[in-house]
Amino acid sequence: MIRLNDDTPGSVLDEVKIGDMVTDTFSKTGLVEDIEITDDGLYKIYRFNLVTGREIVVKK
């Protein structure tokens, strides 16, 4: 299981793939269904959509 939060290194975030089991260490845990990565110029924003319908967002 991969822990996703603001302390997770960018190299780990880049390696997460669909089907991986992830958690935000609080209440969101599940398999990754979809990944969206955007860059707003200040932050690289990772959106991990889980099969449970929840979303984990990490800004780096």
N, C-alpha and C. Protein backbone atom coordinates (compact mmCIF):
# COMPACT_ATOMS: atom_id res chain seq x y z
N MET A 1 0.85 -1.18 0.00
CA MET A 1 0.00 0.00 0.00
C MET A 1 0.89 1.24 0.00
N ILE A 2 0.52 2.20 -0.82
CA ILE A 2 1.30 3.44 -0.97
C ILE A 2 0.58 4.56 -0.21
N ARG A 3 1.31 5.25 0.64
CA ARG A 3 0.76 6.36 1.40
C ARG A 3 0.93 7.65 0.59
N LEU A 4 -0.18 8.35 0.33
CA LEU A 4 -0.15 9.58 -0.46
C LEU A 4 -0.51 10.77 0.42
N ASN A 5 0.44 11.68 0.57
CA ASN A 5 0.18 12.94 1.28
C ASN A 5 1.22 13.95 0.81
N ASP A 6 1.23 15.13 1.41
CA ASP A 6 2.14 16.19 0.97
C ASP A 6 3.61 15.86 1.23
N ASP A 7 3.87 14.88 2.10
CA ASP A 7 5.25 14.48 2.39
C ASP A 7 5.77 13.38 1.46
N THR A 8 4.90 12.84 0.62
CA THR A 8 5.30 11.79 -0.31
C THR A 8 6.17 12.39 -1.41
N PRO A 9 7.36 11.82 -1.65
CA PRO A 9 8.24 12.37 -2.69
C PRO A 9 7.61 12.31 -4.08
N GLY A 10 7.93 13.29 -4.91
CA GLY A 10 7.40 13.34 -6.27
C GLY A 10 7.73 12.11 -7.08
N SER A 11 8.89 11.52 -6.84
CA SER A 11 9.27 10.31 -7.58
C SER A 11 8.31 9.16 -7.27
N VAL A 12 7.83 9.07 -6.04
CA VAL A 12 6.86 8.03 -5.67
C VAL A 12 5.52 8.34 -6.30
N LEU A 13 5.09 9.60 -6.27
CA LEU A 13 3.81 9.99 -6.87
C LEU A 13 3.80 9.68 -8.37
N ASP A 14 4.92 9.90 -9.05
CA ASP A 14 5.00 9.63 -10.48
C ASP A 14 4.93 8.15 -10.81
N GLU A 15 5.28 7.28 -9.87
CA GLU A 15 5.30 5.84 -10.11
C GLU A 15 3.96 5.15 -9.80
N VAL A 16 3.02 5.85 -9.17
CA VAL A 16 1.72 5.25 -8.87
C VAL A 16 1.00 4.98 -10.19
N LYS A 17 0.39 3.79 -10.29
CA LYS A 17 -0.30 3.44 -11.52
C LYS A 17 -1.70 2.92 -11.20
N ILE A 18 -2.52 2.82 -12.21
CA ILE A 18 -3.88 2.33 -12.04
C ILE A 18 -3.83 0.91 -11.49
N GLY A 19 -4.64 0.66 -10.48
CA GLY A 19 -4.69 -0.66 -9.85
C GLY A 19 -3.89 -0.75 -8.56
N ASP A 20 -3.05 0.26 -8.27
CA ASP A 20 -2.29 0.27 -7.02
C ASP A 20 -3.21 0.55 -5.84
N MET A 21 -2.90 -0.05 -4.70
CA MET A 21 -3.64 0.23 -3.46
C MET A 21 -2.99 1.42 -2.78
N VAL A 22 -3.77 2.47 -2.51
CA VAL A 22 -3.25 3.69 -1.91
C VAL A 22 -4.10 4.10 -0.71
N THR A 23 -3.52 4.96 0.13
CA THR A 23 -4.24 5.51 1.27
C THR A 23 -3.75 6.94 1.53
N ASP A 24 -4.61 7.74 2.15
CA ASP A 24 -4.19 9.08 2.56
C ASP A 24 -3.88 9.08 4.06
N THR A 25 -3.88 7.92 4.69
CA THR A 25 -3.59 7.67 6.11
C THR A 25 -4.72 8.11 7.05
N PHE A 26 -5.81 8.65 6.52
CA PHE A 26 -6.92 9.05 7.39
C PHE A 26 -8.16 8.22 7.10
N SER A 27 -8.85 8.54 6.02
CA SER A 27 -10.12 7.87 5.77
C SER A 27 -10.27 7.34 4.35
N LYS A 28 -9.36 7.70 3.46
CA LYS A 28 -9.48 7.30 2.06
C LYS A 28 -8.47 6.20 1.74
N THR A 29 -8.99 5.03 1.40
CA THR A 29 -8.15 3.90 1.03
C THR A 29 -8.84 3.17 -0.10
N GLY A 30 -8.09 2.75 -1.10
CA GLY A 30 -8.69 1.99 -2.18
C GLY A 30 -7.74 1.83 -3.34
N LEU A 31 -8.26 1.19 -4.39
CA LEU A 31 -7.50 0.98 -5.62
C LEU A 31 -7.63 2.21 -6.52
N VAL A 32 -6.54 2.57 -7.18
CA VAL A 32 -6.54 3.72 -8.08
C VAL A 32 -7.28 3.33 -9.37
N GLU A 33 -8.29 4.14 -9.72
CA GLU A 33 -9.06 3.91 -10.93
C GLU A 33 -8.61 4.85 -12.05
N ASP A 34 -8.19 6.07 -11.67
CA ASP A 34 -7.80 7.07 -12.66
C ASP A 34 -6.82 8.04 -12.02
N ILE A 35 -5.88 8.54 -12.81
CA ILE A 35 -4.88 9.50 -12.31
C ILE A 35 -4.88 10.72 -13.23
N GLU A 36 -4.98 11.90 -12.64
CA GLU A 36 -4.87 13.16 -13.39
C GLU A 36 -3.72 13.96 -12.80
N ILE A 37 -2.80 14.39 -13.66
CA ILE A 37 -1.68 15.20 -13.20
C ILE A 37 -1.72 16.51 -13.98
N THR A 38 -1.80 17.63 -13.25
CA THR A 38 -1.81 18.95 -13.88
C THR A 38 -0.73 19.81 -13.25
N ASP A 39 -0.30 20.81 -13.97
CA ASP A 39 0.72 21.73 -13.48
C ASP A 39 0.19 23.14 -13.66
N ASP A 40 -0.03 23.85 -12.56
CA ASP A 40 -0.58 25.21 -12.64
C ASP A 40 0.53 26.27 -12.64
N GLY A 41 1.77 25.85 -12.79
CA GLY A 41 2.89 26.79 -12.80
C GLY A 41 3.54 26.94 -11.44
N LEU A 42 2.77 26.77 -10.39
CA LEU A 42 3.29 26.86 -9.03
C LEU A 42 3.39 25.48 -8.39
N TYR A 43 2.36 24.67 -8.62
CA TYR A 43 2.31 23.32 -8.06
C TYR A 43 2.06 22.30 -9.16
N LYS A 44 2.53 21.09 -8.91
CA LYS A 44 2.13 19.94 -9.72
C LYS A 44 1.05 19.26 -8.90
N ILE A 45 -0.14 19.14 -9.45
CA ILE A 45 -1.29 18.62 -8.72
C ILE A 45 -1.62 17.21 -9.19
N TYR A 46 -1.59 16.27 -8.26
CA TYR A 46 -1.89 14.87 -8.55
C TYR A 46 -3.28 14.57 -8.00
N ARG A 47 -4.18 14.08 -8.85
CA ARG A 47 -5.52 13.67 -8.43
C ARG A 47 -5.64 12.16 -8.67
N PHE A 48 -5.77 11.43 -7.60
CA PHE A 48 -5.92 9.98 -7.67
C PHE A 48 -7.38 9.65 -7.38
N ASN A 49 -8.11 9.22 -8.40
CA ASN A 49 -9.51 8.82 -8.23
C ASN A 49 -9.55 7.34 -7.90
N LEU A 50 -10.23 7.00 -6.81
CA LEU A 50 -10.28 5.63 -6.32
C LEU A 50 -11.56 4.94 -6.78
N VAL A 51 -11.54 3.61 -6.82
CA VAL A 51 -12.72 2.85 -7.23
C VAL A 51 -13.88 3.05 -6.25
N THR A 52 -13.60 3.52 -5.06
CA THR A 52 -14.64 3.78 -4.05
C THR A 52 -15.37 5.09 -4.32
N GLY A 53 -14.92 5.85 -5.33
CA GLY A 53 -15.55 7.13 -5.63
C GLY A 53 -14.89 8.31 -4.94
N ARG A 54 -13.94 8.04 -4.08
CA ARG A 54 -13.22 9.11 -3.38
C ARG A 54 -12.04 9.57 -4.20
N GLU A 55 -11.47 10.70 -3.80
CA GLU A 55 -10.34 11.29 -4.52
C GLU A 55 -9.30 11.75 -3.52
N ILE A 56 -8.03 11.45 -3.84
CA ILE A 56 -6.91 11.94 -3.03
C ILE A 56 -6.17 12.95 -3.89
N VAL A 57 -6.00 14.17 -3.36
CA VAL A 57 -5.31 15.23 -4.09
C VAL A 57 -4.04 15.60 -3.34
N VAL A 58 -2.92 15.62 -4.07
CA VAL A 58 -1.63 15.98 -3.49
C VAL A 58 -1.02 17.07 -4.34
N LYS A 59 -0.59 18.16 -3.68
CA LYS A 59 0.09 19.26 -4.37
C LYS A 59 1.57 19.22 -4.03
N LYS A 60 2.40 19.28 -5.05
CA LYS A 60 3.86 19.28 -4.85
C LYS A 60 4.46 20.48 -5.54
